[in-house]
């Protein structure tokens, strides 16, 4: 029997496109956060047109989920007139919350669409309970904690703020080397401003040292002789610490990654959905399933995992010195779009072949291994493989999937 004394946290999942939004909801998200075509800190994500946003909000609401829209740039004067128009559009669309970091943008949102909740972004450097109270007095419903806070500090914030004020914290995904994401490297090297949504991620690049009087002689930067990726942070993963997150009083568990694939979003959403549900059933149930949770979360693409700042400041082990690439255990093949005459249709994402053994990934936690028996292209011609991403492919599998299921395959190609 579940423990009804525990408050069930929200699982908040990123979506960079309408397809991914629907996948996130199907695979367990209580809420999704998305960016429009302007004022979002993921300018390189596909993001949502007005029409896609309307459809996404309608889909989420029909399935009992919420939609939060990011408008968290640090605005300049020339942004404000367009921001007014944007907030007027959002008022019509009716998302459940706006995620904002800039006080000017906050003021405009309160003026133009006061009926929509405002959540204060982690970009606002929210590190203490007086900051939370400041935003609460201005009308914020929720504040996202700075990445640099420990669980002890978050629990102390919880003890000092009103019960109806919500705390949101990142629990999984990439970590930024800069304090609360305030980075100037991208702007300096490429002219693309991380604080206006165009980060090129120079923290993942390889660096060397050059002595002033010896131009062109590049000296490698060694740290304990492990390599030169000196700004390359490990990814955050808190799947093993759901009880601690609940005890700290965090209301919403946020997954990072609005530029991720549908497969990544589905895998992370499903795993955290199960973790939360297991824990809400009982702590014993959660701990019985920990091995499965650990295994599942490592099937996602990831850089080596850490717990970030939650248990104290990271030491040198919080960085990855020898590479900047992801660990990839599964590749994304496609999502079931239609079923008919014993076949299923996908838009193919990566190459696979007739005869391959692949997995049907289901929202309820099951993974069904099947064999690819036949493959036909959009013209109905039998093919042995699908080498070109974006092809429409009809598959005959050894077991029939359902619309919305994802197909994946071990290894990389």
Foldseek 3Di string as FASTA:
>chain_A
DFDPVFDQFFEEFEALFLLLLLLLLQQAHQEYEFEACFQALANVGNGDYLVSLLVSQVSQVVSNHFYEYENAFQDDPVCVVVLLVVLLSCLVSDGQEYEYAYVVSVVSNCVRRVVHAYEYELLNAAQALVSVVVVVVVPHQEYEHWLQDALVRLLVSCVVDDPRRAYEYEAWWADFLDGSQCDCPQCVPPVAHSSRRGRPPCLLDFAFDDDPVGPPDTHADDDVNQAGSQSAFFIGHCLVPPVSNSSSRHRYHYYDDNRDDSVQSSLVNNLVSVLSVLVSRHVVSNVVCVVVSVVSNVQHWGGHYDNRDHPHHDDPVRGRHHHSGTDHFKDFFFFFADDDPQKTKGQGAAKDFQQDWKWWQHSNGDIDIKGFHWKAWPVRHTDGMDHDGRTIMITRIPDDDDGGITIMHTDDD
